[in-house]
Amino acid sequence: MVCKENLEAPPIACDDALQLQRTGPAMKSASLPSLRVDPALREAAEAVLQEGEMLSSFVEHSVRAQVQQRQQQEAFIARGLASRDSAKAAGQYIDATDVLAGLQSQLDKTRKS
């Protein structure tokens, strides 16, 4: 049985088309381990779900956000270490007391305004 004929492509059987619809690119290829939590935590998570949102999608979103936060933290630390190494190689340092004095001066000016 053929669903629709397309002049530019060979016909697709209905069963094949339905299978493509179910297993399209949105299909996930990996799973996270099962997680046992305190009942109060589960209740709290369920209490903040938005309309139509499932707990599994909430957990997936939370994991993605935490992964992104940690990647950004690692990049921040790497930039700081690279800056430190660059300053050390160039021999150009700014004393912390000078930085704090400058910040205090800016704060004082802002408060007076």
PDB file of N, CA and C in Angstrom:
ATOM      1  N   MET A   1       0.838  -1.177   0.000  1.00  0.00           N
ATOM      2  CA  MET A   1       0.000   0.000   0.000  1.00  0.00           C
ATOM      3  C   MET A   1       0.886   1.245   0.000  1.00  0.00           C
ATOM      4  N   VAL A   2       0.518   2.246  -0.779  1.00  0.00           N
ATOM      5  CA  VAL A   2       1.291   3.474  -0.903  1.00  0.00           C
ATOM      6  C   VAL A   2       0.492   4.618  -0.308  1.00  0.00           C
ATOM      7  N   CYS A   3       1.154   5.448   0.525  1.00  0.00           N
ATOM      8  CA  CYS A   3       0.456   6.563   1.175  1.00  0.00           C
ATOM      9  C   CYS A   3       0.155   7.672   0.182  1.00  0.00           C
ATOM     10  N   LYS A   4       1.182   8.263  -0.392  1.00  0.00           N
ATOM     11  CA  LYS A   4       1.020   9.342  -1.360  1.00  0.00           C
ATOM     12  C   LYS A   4       2.076   9.159  -2.425  1.00  0.00           C
ATOM     13  N   GLU A   5       1.713   9.501  -3.600  1.00  0.00           N
ATOM     14  CA  GLU A   5       2.702   9.430  -4.661  1.00  0.00           C
ATOM     15  C   GLU A   5       3.370  10.785  -4.800  1.00  0.00           C
ATOM     16  N   ASN A   6       4.671  10.770  -4.933  1.00  0.00           N
ATOM     17  CA  ASN A   6       5.453  11.980  -5.123  1.00  0.00           C
ATOM     18  C   ASN A   6       6.204  11.793  -6.420  1.00  0.00           C
ATOM     19  N   LEU A   7       6.066  12.705  -7.344  1.00  0.00           N
ATOM     20  CA  LEU A   7       6.698  12.556  -8.642  1.00  0.00           C
ATOM     21  C   LEU A   7       8.216  12.607  -8.549  1.00  0.00           C
ATOM     22  N   GLU A   8       8.756  13.257  -7.534  1.00  0.00           N
ATOM     23  CA  GLU A   8      10.201  13.423  -7.411  1.00  0.00           C
ATOM     24  C   GLU A   8      10.858  12.324  -6.591  1.00  0.00           C
ATOM     25  N   ALA A   9      10.104  11.536  -5.872  1.00  0.00           N
ATOM     26  CA  ALA A   9      10.682  10.503  -5.011  1.00  0.00           C
ATOM     27  C   ALA A   9       9.896   9.215  -5.176  1.00  0.00           C
ATOM     28  N   PRO A  10      10.542   8.087  -4.913  1.00  0.00           N
ATOM     29  CA  PRO A  10       9.811   6.823  -4.997  1.00  0.00           C
ATOM     30  C   PRO A  10       8.731   6.772  -3.931  1.00  0.00           C
ATOM     31  N   PRO A  11       7.659   6.020  -4.173  1.00  0.00           N
ATOM     32  CA  PRO A  11       6.579   5.948  -3.194  1.00  0.00           C
ATOM     33  C   PRO A  11       7.058   5.348  -1.880  1.00  0.00           C
ATOM     34  N   ILE A  12       6.442   5.800  -0.782  1.00  0.00           N
ATOM     35  CA  ILE A  12       6.778   5.306   0.549  1.00  0.00           C
ATOM     36  C   ILE A  12       5.584   4.530   1.070  1.00  0.00           C
ATOM     37  N   ALA A  13       5.831   3.348   1.554  1.00  0.00           N
ATOM     38  CA  ALA A  13       4.755   2.565   2.135  1.00  0.00           C
ATOM     39  C   ALA A  13       4.269   3.249   3.401  1.00  0.00           C
ATOM     40  N   CYS A  14       2.982   3.121   3.709  1.00  0.00           N
ATOM     41  CA  CYS A  14       2.425   3.764   4.907  1.00  0.00           C
ATOM     42  C   CYS A  14       3.147   3.323   6.167  1.00  0.00           C
ATOM     43  N   ASP A  15       3.436   2.039   6.271  1.00  0.00           N
ATOM     44  CA  ASP A  15       4.125   1.548   7.460  1.00  0.00           C
ATOM     45  C   ASP A  15       5.483   2.211   7.608  1.00  0.00           C
ATOM     46  N   ASP A  16       6.202   2.377   6.484  1.00  0.00           N
ATOM     47  CA  ASP A  16       7.513   3.027   6.537  1.00  0.00           C
ATOM     48  C   ASP A  16       7.379   4.485   6.967  1.00  0.00           C
ATOM     49  N   ALA A  17       6.377   5.178   6.442  1.00  0.00           N
ATOM     50  CA  ALA A  17       6.182   6.586   6.784  1.00  0.00           C
ATOM     51  C   ALA A  17       5.846   6.743   8.261  1.00  0.00           C
ATOM     52  N   LEU A  18       5.000   5.865   8.772  1.00  0.00           N
ATOM     53  CA  LEU A  18       4.658   5.939  10.190  1.00  0.00           C
ATOM     54  C   LEU A  18       5.873   5.653  11.060  1.00  0.00           C
ATOM     55  N   GLN A  19       6.691   4.693  10.627  1.00  0.00           N
ATOM     56  CA  GLN A  19       7.901   4.378  11.382  1.00  0.00           C
ATOM     57  C   GLN A  19       8.849   5.574  11.383  1.00  0.00           C
ATOM     58  N   LEU A  20       8.983   6.249  10.242  1.00  0.00           N
ATOM     59  CA  LEU A  20       9.836   7.436  10.168  1.00  0.00           C
ATOM     60  C   LEU A  20       9.323   8.525  11.105  1.00  0.00           C
ATOM     61  N   GLN A  21       8.005   8.648  11.187  1.00  0.00           N
ATOM     62  CA  GLN A  21       7.422   9.660  12.056  1.00  0.00           C
ATOM     63  C   GLN A  21       7.744   9.375  13.521  1.00  0.00           C
ATOM     64  N   ARG A  22       7.725   8.120  13.914  1.00  0.00           N
ATOM     65  CA  ARG A  22       7.988   7.755  15.307  1.00  0.00           C
ATOM     66  C   ARG A  22       9.467   7.795  15.656  1.00  0.00           C
ATOM     67  N   THR A  23      10.333   7.534  14.691  1.00  0.00           N
ATOM     68  CA  THR A  23      11.764   7.424  14.989  1.00  0.00           C
ATOM     69  C   THR A  23      12.567   8.516  14.303  1.00  0.00           C
ATOM     70  N   GLY A  24      11.978   9.677  14.134  1.00  0.00           N
ATOM     71  CA  GLY A  24      12.663  10.784  13.484  1.00  0.00           C
ATOM     72  C   GLY A  24      13.867  11.246  14.277  1.00  0.00           C
ATOM     73  N   PRO A  25      14.472  12.334  13.866  1.00  0.00           N
ATOM     74  CA  PRO A  25      15.699  12.821  14.491  1.00  0.00           C
ATOM     75  C   PRO A  25      15.549  13.203  15.960  1.00  0.00           C
ATOM     76  N   ALA A  26      14.339  13.356  16.454  1.00  0.00           N
ATOM     77  CA  ALA A  26      14.157  13.735  17.853  1.00  0.00           C
ATOM     78  C   ALA A  26      14.387  12.565  18.801  1.00  0.00           C
ATOM     79  N   MET A  27      14.571  11.378  18.268  1.00  0.00           N
ATOM     80  CA  MET A  27      14.759  10.190  19.094  1.00  0.00           C
ATOM     81  C   MET A  27      16.061  10.313  19.891  1.00  0.00           C
ATOM     82  N   LYS A  28      16.012  10.015  21.150  1.00  0.00           N
ATOM     83  CA  LYS A  28      17.200  10.089  22.001  1.00  0.00           C
ATOM     84  C   LYS A  28      17.986   8.790  21.872  1.00  0.00           C
ATOM     85  N   SER A  29      19.305   8.897  21.958  1.00  0.00           N
ATOM     86  CA  SER A  29      20.130   7.715  21.757  1.00  0.00           C
ATOM     87  C   SER A  29      20.838   7.245  23.023  1.00  0.00           C
ATOM     88  N   ALA A  30      20.682   7.948  24.116  1.00  0.00           N
ATOM     89  CA  ALA A  30      21.338   7.550  25.361  1.00  0.00           C
ATOM     90  C   ALA A  30      20.398   7.836  26.527  1.00  0.00           C
ATOM     91  N   SER A  31      20.683   7.216  27.650  1.00  0.00           N
ATOM     92  CA  SER A  31      19.845   7.461  28.823  1.00  0.00           C
ATOM     93  C   SER A  31      20.724   7.759  30.027  1.00  0.00           C
ATOM     94  N   LEU A  32      20.155   8.484  30.968  1.00  0.00           N
ATOM     95  CA  LEU A  32      20.833   8.762  32.228  1.00  0.00           C
ATOM     96  C   LEU A  32      20.471   7.666  33.218  1.00  0.00           C
ATOM     97  N   PRO A  33      21.319   7.450  34.197  1.00  0.00           N
ATOM     98  CA  PRO A  33      20.997   6.414  35.182  1.00  0.00           C
ATOM     99  C   PRO A  33      19.759   6.775  35.998  1.00  0.00           C
ATOM    100  N   SER A  34      19.084   5.750  36.433  1.00  0.00           N
ATOM    101  CA  SER A  34      17.930   5.927  37.306  1.00  0.00           C
ATOM    102  C   SER A  34      18.393   6.615  38.583  1.00  0.00           C
ATOM    103  N   LEU A  35      17.540   7.444  39.139  1.00  0.00           N
ATOM    104  CA  LEU A  35      17.940   8.260  40.281  1.00  0.00           C
ATOM    105  C   LEU A  35      16.945   8.089  41.421  1.00  0.00           C
ATOM    106  N   ARG A  36      17.433   7.685  42.579  1.00  0.00           N
ATOM    107  CA  ARG A  36      16.581   7.563  43.756  1.00  0.00           C
ATOM    108  C   ARG A  36      16.760   8.829  44.587  1.00  0.00           C
ATOM    109  N   VAL A  37      15.638   9.454  44.931  1.00  0.00           N
ATOM    110  CA  VAL A  37      15.685  10.703  45.689  1.00  0.00           C
ATOM    111  C   VAL A  37      14.716  10.636  46.854  1.00  0.00           C
ATOM    112  N   ASP A  38      14.890  11.547  47.767  1.00  0.00           N
ATOM    113  CA  ASP A  38      13.983  11.699  48.894  1.00  0.00           C
ATOM    114  C   ASP A  38      12.596  12.066  48.355  1.00  0.00           C
ATOM    115  N   PRO A  39      11.544  11.497  48.895  1.00  0.00           N
ATOM    116  CA  PRO A  39      10.195  11.824  48.417  1.00  0.00           C
ATOM    117  C   PRO A  39       9.889  13.324  48.442  1.00  0.00           C
ATOM    118  N   ALA A  40      10.440  14.039  49.402  1.00  0.00           N
ATOM    119  CA  ALA A  40      10.201  15.484  49.483  1.00  0.00           C
ATOM    120  C   ALA A  40      10.794  16.208  48.274  1.00  0.00           C
ATOM    121  N   LEU A  41      11.952  15.754  47.803  1.00  0.00           N
ATOM    122  CA  LEU A  41      12.561  16.372  46.624  1.00  0.00           C
ATOM    123  C   LEU A  41      11.703  16.112  45.395  1.00  0.00           C
ATOM    124  N   ARG A  42      11.219  14.894  45.247  1.00  0.00           N
ATOM    125  CA  ARG A  42      10.353  14.587  44.103  1.00  0.00           C
ATOM    126  C   ARG A  42       9.089  15.446  44.147  1.00  0.00           C
ATOM    127  N   GLU A  43       8.488  15.565  45.313  1.00  0.00           N
ATOM    128  CA  GLU A  43       7.278  16.386  45.450  1.00  0.00           C
ATOM    129  C   GLU A  43       7.570  17.845  45.112  1.00  0.00           C
ATOM    130  N   ALA A  44       8.710  18.342  45.559  1.00  0.00           N
ATOM    131  CA  ALA A  44       9.084  19.730  45.269  1.00  0.00           C
ATOM    132  C   ALA A  44       9.281  19.926  43.766  1.00  0.00           C
ATOM    133  N   ALA A  45       9.920  18.960  43.116  1.00  0.00           N
ATOM    134  CA  ALA A  45      10.131  19.049  41.668  1.00  0.00           C
ATOM    135  C   ALA A  45       8.802  19.008  40.931  1.00  0.00           C
ATOM    136  N   GLU A  46       7.929  18.117  41.332  1.00  0.00           N
ATOM    137  CA  GLU A  46       6.620  18.013  40.685  1.00  0.00           C
ATOM    138  C   GLU A  46       5.790  19.274  40.912  1.00  0.00           C
ATOM    139  N   ALA A  47       5.978  19.914  42.051  1.00  0.00           N
ATOM    140  CA  ALA A  47       5.207  21.115  42.376  1.00  0.00           C
ATOM    141  C   ALA A  47       5.569  22.299  41.482  1.00  0.00           C
ATOM    142  N   VAL A  48       6.768  22.308  40.936  1.00  0.00           N
ATOM    143  CA  VAL A  48       7.187  23.443  40.113  1.00  0.00           C
ATOM    144  C   VAL A  48       7.096  23.168  38.617  1.00  0.00           C
ATOM    145  N   LEU A  49       6.584  22.006  38.241  1.00  0.00           N
ATOM    146  CA  LEU A  49       6.433  21.705  36.819  1.00  0.00           C
ATOM    147  C   LEU A  49       5.449  22.677  36.187  1.00  0.00           C
ATOM    148  N   GLN A  50       5.763  23.097  34.971  1.00  0.00           N
ATOM    149  CA  GLN A  50       4.843  23.959  34.243  1.00  0.00           C
ATOM    150  C   GLN A  50       3.767  23.099  33.594  1.00  0.00           C
ATOM    151  N   GLU A  51       2.691  23.728  33.173  1.00  0.00           N
ATOM    152  CA  GLU A  51       1.579  22.997  32.577  1.00  0.00           C
ATOM    153  C   GLU A  51       2.060  22.193  31.369  1.00  0.00           C
ATOM    154  N   GLY A  52       1.762  20.909  31.370  1.00  0.00           N
ATOM    155  CA  GLY A  52       2.144  20.030  30.272  1.00  0.00           C
ATOM    156  C   GLY A  52       3.567  19.499  30.357  1.00  0.00           C
ATOM    157  N   GLU A  53       4.347  19.977  31.304  1.00  0.00           N
ATOM    158  CA  GLU A  53       5.735  19.541  31.439  1.00  0.00           C
ATOM    159  C   GLU A  53       5.779  18.234  32.222  1.00  0.00           C
ATOM    160  N   MET A  54       6.648  17.344  31.771  1.00  0.00           N
ATOM    161  CA  MET A  54       6.806  16.069  32.462  1.00  0.00           C
ATOM    162  C   MET A  54       8.060  16.122  33.326  1.00  0.00           C
ATOM    163  N   LEU A  55       8.066  15.332  34.380  1.00  0.00           N
ATOM    164  CA  LEU A  55       9.210  15.308  35.289  1.00  0.00           C
ATOM    165  C   LEU A  55      10.486  14.925  34.551  1.00  0.00           C
ATOM    166  N   SER A  56      10.390  13.996  33.608  1.00  0.00           N
ATOM    167  CA  SER A  56      11.583  13.572  32.867  1.00  0.00           C
ATOM    168  C   SER A  56      12.177  14.722  32.060  1.00  0.00           C
ATOM    169  N   SER A  57      11.342  15.561  31.442  1.00  0.00           N
ATOM    170  CA  SER A  57      11.876  16.687  30.679  1.00  0.00           C
ATOM    171  C   SER A  57      12.460  17.745  31.612  1.00  0.00           C
ATOM    172  N   PHE A  58      11.856  17.898  32.802  1.00  0.00           N
ATOM    173  CA  PHE A  58      12.392  18.816  33.803  1.00  0.00           C
ATOM    174  C   PHE A  58      13.789  18.364  34.236  1.00  0.00           C
ATOM    175  N   VAL A  59      13.944  17.070  34.482  1.00  0.00           N
ATOM    176  CA  VAL A  59      15.244  16.527  34.893  1.00  0.00           C
ATOM    177  C   VAL A  59      16.257  16.708  33.768  1.00  0.00           C
ATOM    178  N   GLU A  60      15.856  16.414  32.522  1.00  0.00           N
ATOM    179  CA  GLU A  60      16.770  16.580  31.391  1.00  0.00           C
ATOM    180  C   GLU A  60      17.213  18.035  31.269  1.00  0.00           C
ATOM    181  N   HIS A  61      16.277  18.965  31.380  1.00  0.00           N
ATOM    182  CA  HIS A  61      16.604  20.389  31.291  1.00  0.00           C
ATOM    183  C   HIS A  61      17.562  20.788  32.417  1.00  0.00           C
ATOM    184  N   SER A  62      17.324  20.273  33.611  1.00  0.00           N
ATOM    185  CA  SER A  62      18.183  20.583  34.756  1.00  0.00           C
ATOM    186  C   SER A  62      19.598  20.063  34.542  1.00  0.00           C
ATOM    187  N   VAL A  63      19.715  18.858  33.999  1.00  0.00           N
ATOM    188  CA  VAL A  63      21.042  18.289  33.729  1.00  0.00           C
ATOM    189  C   VAL A  63      21.753  19.127  32.675  1.00  0.00           C
ATOM    190  N   ARG A  64      21.038  19.497  31.606  1.00  0.00           N
ATOM    191  CA  ARG A  64      21.646  20.333  30.560  1.00  0.00           C
ATOM    192  C   ARG A  64      22.137  21.663  31.138  1.00  0.00           C
ATOM    193  N   ALA A  65      21.325  22.289  31.972  1.00  0.00           N
ATOM    194  CA  ALA A  65      21.700  23.576  32.564  1.00  0.00           C
ATOM    195  C   ALA A  65      22.931  23.431  33.454  1.00  0.00           C
ATOM    196  N   GLN A  66      23.000  22.360  34.222  1.00  0.00           N
ATOM    197  CA  GLN A  66      24.137  22.145  35.115  1.00  0.00           C
ATOM    198  C   GLN A  66      25.405  21.852  34.315  1.00  0.00           C
ATOM    199  N   VAL A  67      25.272  21.080  33.234  1.00  0.00           N
ATOM    200  CA  VAL A  67      26.432  20.804  32.372  1.00  0.00           C
ATOM    201  C   VAL A  67      26.950  22.109  31.781  1.00  0.00           C
ATOM    202  N   GLN A  68      26.040  22.949  31.271  1.00  0.00           N
ATOM    203  CA  GLN A  68      26.443  24.227  30.694  1.00  0.00           C
ATOM    204  C   GLN A  68      27.114  25.116  31.743  1.00  0.00           C
ATOM    205  N   GLN A  69      26.565  25.162  32.942  1.00  0.00           N
ATOM    206  CA  GLN A  69      27.142  25.991  34.006  1.00  0.00           C
ATOM    207  C   GLN A  69      28.554  25.531  34.336  1.00  0.00           C
ATOM    208  N   ARG A  70      28.750  24.227  34.409  1.00  0.00           N
ATOM    209  CA  ARG A  70      30.091  23.722  34.743  1.00  0.00           C
ATOM    210  C   ARG A  70      31.074  23.947  33.604  1.00  0.00           C
ATOM    211  N   GLN A  71      30.605  23.849  32.365  1.00  0.00           N
ATOM    212  CA  GLN A  71      31.489  24.142  31.231  1.00  0.00           C
ATOM    213  C   GLN A  71      31.911  25.602  31.257  1.00  0.00           C
ATOM    214  N   GLN A  72      30.964  26.491  31.554  1.00  0.00           N
ATOM    215  CA  GLN A  72      31.290  27.914  31.639  1.00  0.00           C
ATOM    216  C   GLN A  72      32.251  28.186  32.792  1.00  0.00           C
ATOM    217  N   GLN A  73      32.067  27.490  33.900  1.00  0.00           N
ATOM    218  CA  GLN A  73      32.955  27.654  35.046  1.00  0.00           C
ATOM    219  C   GLN A  73      34.372  27.203  34.693  1.00  0.00           C
ATOM    220  N   GLU A  74      34.486  26.064  34.010  1.00  0.00           N
ATOM    221  CA  GLU A  74      35.808  25.578  33.594  1.00  0.00           C
ATOM    222  C   GLU A  74      36.478  26.568  32.650  1.00  0.00           C
ATOM    223  N   ALA A  75      35.705  27.129  31.702  1.00  0.00           N
ATOM    224  CA  ALA A  75      36.258  28.102  30.763  1.00  0.00           C
ATOM    225  C   ALA A  75      36.709  29.365  31.498  1.00  0.00           C
ATOM    226  N   PHE A  76      35.925  29.806  32.487  1.00  0.00           N
ATOM    227  CA  PHE A  76      36.271  30.981  33.284  1.00  0.00           C
ATOM    228  C   PHE A  76      37.588  30.755  34.020  1.00  0.00           C
ATOM    229  N   ILE A  77      37.726  29.603  34.632  1.00  0.00           N
ATOM    230  CA  ILE A  77      38.955  29.284  35.364  1.00  0.00           C
ATOM    231  C   ILE A  77      40.135  29.217  34.405  1.00  0.00           C
ATOM    232  N   ALA A  78      39.921  28.601  33.237  1.00  0.00           N
ATOM    233  CA  ALA A  78      41.000  28.504  32.246  1.00  0.00           C
ATOM    234  C   ALA A  78      41.447  29.894  31.799  1.00  0.00           C
ATOM    235  N   ARG A  79      40.479  30.808  31.573  1.00  0.00           N
ATOM    236  CA  ARG A  79      40.843  32.178  31.184  1.00  0.00           C
ATOM    237  C   ARG A  79      41.618  32.870  32.297  1.00  0.00           C
ATOM    238  N   GLY A  80      41.207  32.664  33.539  1.00  0.00           N
ATOM    239  CA  GLY A  80      41.905  33.267  34.670  1.00  0.00           C
ATOM    240  C   GLY A  80      43.330  32.764  34.795  1.00  0.00           C
ATOM    241  N   LEU A  81      43.506  31.459  34.637  1.00  0.00           N
ATOM    242  CA  LEU A  81      44.851  30.883  34.718  1.00  0.00           C
ATOM    243  C   LEU A  81      45.722  31.360  33.561  1.00  0.00           C
ATOM    244  N   ALA A  82      45.132  31.475  32.367  1.00  0.00           N
ATOM    245  CA  ALA A  82      45.890  31.970  31.216  1.00  0.00           C
ATOM    246  C   ALA A  82      46.294  33.423  31.437  1.00  0.00           C
ATOM    247  N   SER A  83      45.406  34.217  32.015  1.00  0.00           N
ATOM    248  CA  SER A  83      45.714  35.615  32.310  1.00  0.00           C
ATOM    249  C   SER A  83      46.834  35.708  33.335  1.00  0.00           C
ATOM    250  N   ARG A  84      46.755  34.856  34.352  1.00  0.00           N
ATOM    251  CA  ARG A  84      47.808  34.831  35.372  1.00  0.00           C
ATOM    252  C   ARG A  84      49.154  34.486  34.738  1.00  0.00           C
ATOM    253  N   ASP A  85      49.156  33.467  33.875  1.00  0.00           N
ATOM    254  CA  ASP A  85      50.401  33.049  33.229  1.00  0.00           C
ATOM    255  C   ASP A  85      50.947  34.141  32.319  1.00  0.00           C
ATOM    256  N   SER A  86      50.038  34.845  31.627  1.00  0.00           N
ATOM    257  CA  SER A  86      50.455  35.934  30.747  1.00  0.00           C
ATOM    258  C   SER A  86      51.073  37.074  31.553  1.00  0.00           C
ATOM    259  N   ALA A  87      50.441  37.412  32.661  1.00  0.00           N
ATOM    260  CA  ALA A  87      50.975  38.481  33.519  1.00  0.00           C
ATOM    261  C   ALA A  87      52.318  38.075  34.103  1.00  0.00           C
ATOM    262  N   LYS A  88      52.434  36.814  34.475  1.00  0.00           N
ATOM    263  CA  LYS A  88      53.690  36.325  35.050  1.00  0.00           C
ATOM    264  C   LYS A  88      54.803  36.377  34.013  1.00  0.00           C
ATOM    265  N   ALA A  89      54.483  35.962  32.775  1.00  0.00           N
ATOM    266  CA  ALA A  89      55.492  35.967  31.714  1.00  0.00           C
ATOM    267  C   ALA A  89      55.916  37.388  31.356  1.00  0.00           C
ATOM    268  N   ALA A  90      54.969  38.321  31.381  1.00  0.00           N
ATOM    269  CA  ALA A  90      55.271  39.710  31.035  1.00  0.00           C
ATOM    270  C   ALA A  90      55.832  40.484  32.219  1.00  0.00           C
ATOM    271  N   GLY A  91      55.684  39.933  33.415  1.00  0.00           N
ATOM    272  CA  GLY A  91      56.154  40.622  34.604  1.00  0.00           C
ATOM    273  C   GLY A  91      55.314  41.840  34.949  1.00  0.00           C
ATOM    274  N   GLN A  92      54.072  41.868  34.488  1.00  0.00           N
ATOM    275  CA  GLN A  92      53.191  43.009  34.737  1.00  0.00           C
ATOM    276  C   GLN A  92      52.068  42.590  35.680  1.00  0.00           C
ATOM    277  N   TYR A  93      52.203  42.994  36.907  1.00  0.00           N
ATOM    278  CA  TYR A  93      51.193  42.693  37.911  1.00  0.00           C
ATOM    279  C   TYR A  93      50.639  43.992  38.464  1.00  0.00           C
ATOM    280  N   ILE A  94      49.400  43.946  38.893  1.00  0.00           N
ATOM    281  CA  ILE A  94      48.801  45.082  39.597  1.00  0.00           C
ATOM    282  C   ILE A  94      48.523  44.596  41.009  1.00  0.00           C
ATOM    283  N   ASP A  95      49.037  45.311  41.967  1.00  0.00           N
ATOM    284  CA  ASP A  95      48.891  44.916  43.362  1.00  0.00           C
ATOM    285  C   ASP A  95      47.420  44.934  43.768  1.00  0.00           C
ATOM    286  N   ALA A  96      47.005  43.959  44.546  1.00  0.00           N
ATOM    287  CA  ALA A  96      45.609  43.842  44.973  1.00  0.00           C
ATOM    288  C   ALA A  96      45.148  45.065  45.757  1.00  0.00           C
ATOM    289  N   THR A  97      46.027  45.647  46.556  1.00  0.00           N
ATOM    290  CA  THR A  97      45.626  46.830  47.333  1.00  0.00           C
ATOM    291  C   THR A  97      45.314  48.008  46.410  1.00  0.00           C
ATOM    292  N   ASP A  98      46.050  48.117  45.294  1.00  0.00           N
ATOM    293  CA  ASP A  98      45.770  49.176  44.321  1.00  0.00           C
ATOM    294  C   ASP A  98      44.414  48.952  43.651  1.00  0.00           C
ATOM    295  N   VAL A  99      44.113  47.705  43.317  1.00  0.00           N
ATOM    296  CA  VAL A  99      42.824  47.378  42.695  1.00  0.00           C
ATOM    297  C   VAL A  99      41.688  47.699  43.660  1.00  0.00           C
ATOM    298  N   LEU A 100      41.829  47.279  44.905  1.00  0.00           N
ATOM    299  CA  LEU A 100      40.786  47.537  45.900  1.00  0.00           C
ATOM    300  C   LEU A 100      40.604  49.029  46.152  1.00  0.00           C
ATOM    301  N   ALA A 101      41.703  49.771  46.163  1.00  0.00           N
ATOM    302  CA  ALA A 101      41.612  51.223  46.358  1.00  0.00           C
ATOM    303  C   ALA A 101      40.873  51.872  45.189  1.00  0.00           C
ATOM    304  N   GLY A 102      41.144  51.424  43.983  1.00  0.00           N
ATOM    305  CA  GLY A 102      40.449  51.949  42.805  1.00  0.00           C
ATOM    306  C   GLY A 102      38.961  51.637  42.836  1.00  0.00           C
ATOM    307  N   LEU A 103      38.628  50.426  43.239  1.00  0.00           N
ATOM    308  CA  LEU A 103      37.218  50.043  43.349  1.00  0.00           C
ATOM    309  C   LEU A 103      36.509  50.857  44.432  1.00  0.00           C
ATOM    310  N   GLN A 104      37.184  51.061  45.534  1.00  0.00           N
ATOM    311  CA  GLN A 104      36.599  51.859  46.620  1.00  0.00           C
ATOM    312  C   GLN A 104      36.359  53.283  46.157  1.00  0.00           C
ATOM    313  N   SER A 105      37.294  53.826  45.390  1.00  0.00           N
ATOM    314  CA  SER A 105      37.154  55.184  44.865  1.00  0.00           C
ATOM    315  C   SER A 105      35.935  55.285  43.949  1.00  0.00           C
ATOM    316  N   GLN A 106      35.756  54.288  43.073  1.00  0.00           N
ATOM    317  CA  GLN A 106      34.586  54.277  42.181  1.00  0.00           C
ATOM    318  C   GLN A 106      33.294  54.184  42.986  1.00  0.00           C
ATOM    319  N   LEU A 107      33.300  53.358  44.010  1.00  0.00           N
ATOM    320  CA  LEU A 107      32.118  53.201  44.857  1.00  0.00           C
ATOM    321  C   LEU A 107      31.785  54.509  45.569  1.00  0.00           C
ATOM    322  N   ASP A 108      32.806  55.172  46.089  1.00  0.00           N
ATOM    323  CA  ASP A 108      32.589  56.449  46.779  1.00  0.00           C
ATOM    324  C   ASP A 108      32.010  57.499  45.834  1.00  0.00           C
ATOM    325  N   LYS A 109      32.529  57.566  44.599  1.00  0.00           N
ATOM    326  CA  LYS A 109      32.018  58.526  43.610  1.00  0.00           C
ATOM    327  C   LYS A 109      30.565  58.228  43.271  1.00  0.00           C
ATOM    328  N   THR A 110      30.242  56.961  43.129  1.00  0.00           N
ATOM    329  CA  THR A 110      28.869  56.567  42.790  1.00  0.00           C
ATOM    330  C   THR A 110      27.912  56.914  43.914  1.00  0.00           C
ATOM    331  N   ARG A 111      28.341  56.713  45.136  1.00  0.00           N
ATOM    332  CA  ARG A 111      27.477  57.015  46.283  1.00  0.00           C
ATOM    333  C   ARG A 111      27.230  58.509  46.421  1.00  0.00           C
ATOM    334  N   LYS A 112      28.204  59.333  46.045  1.00  0.00           N
ATOM    335  CA  LYS A 112      28.056  60.784  46.132  1.00  0.00           C
ATOM    336  C   LYS A 112      27.103  61.307  45.059  1.00  0.00           C
ATOM    337  N   SER A 113      26.996  60.600  43.964  1.00  0.00           N
ATOM    338  CA  SER A 113      26.151  61.062  42.836  1.00  0.00           C
ATOM    339  C   SER A 113      24.689  60.950  43.114  1.00  0.00           C
TER     340      SER A 113
END
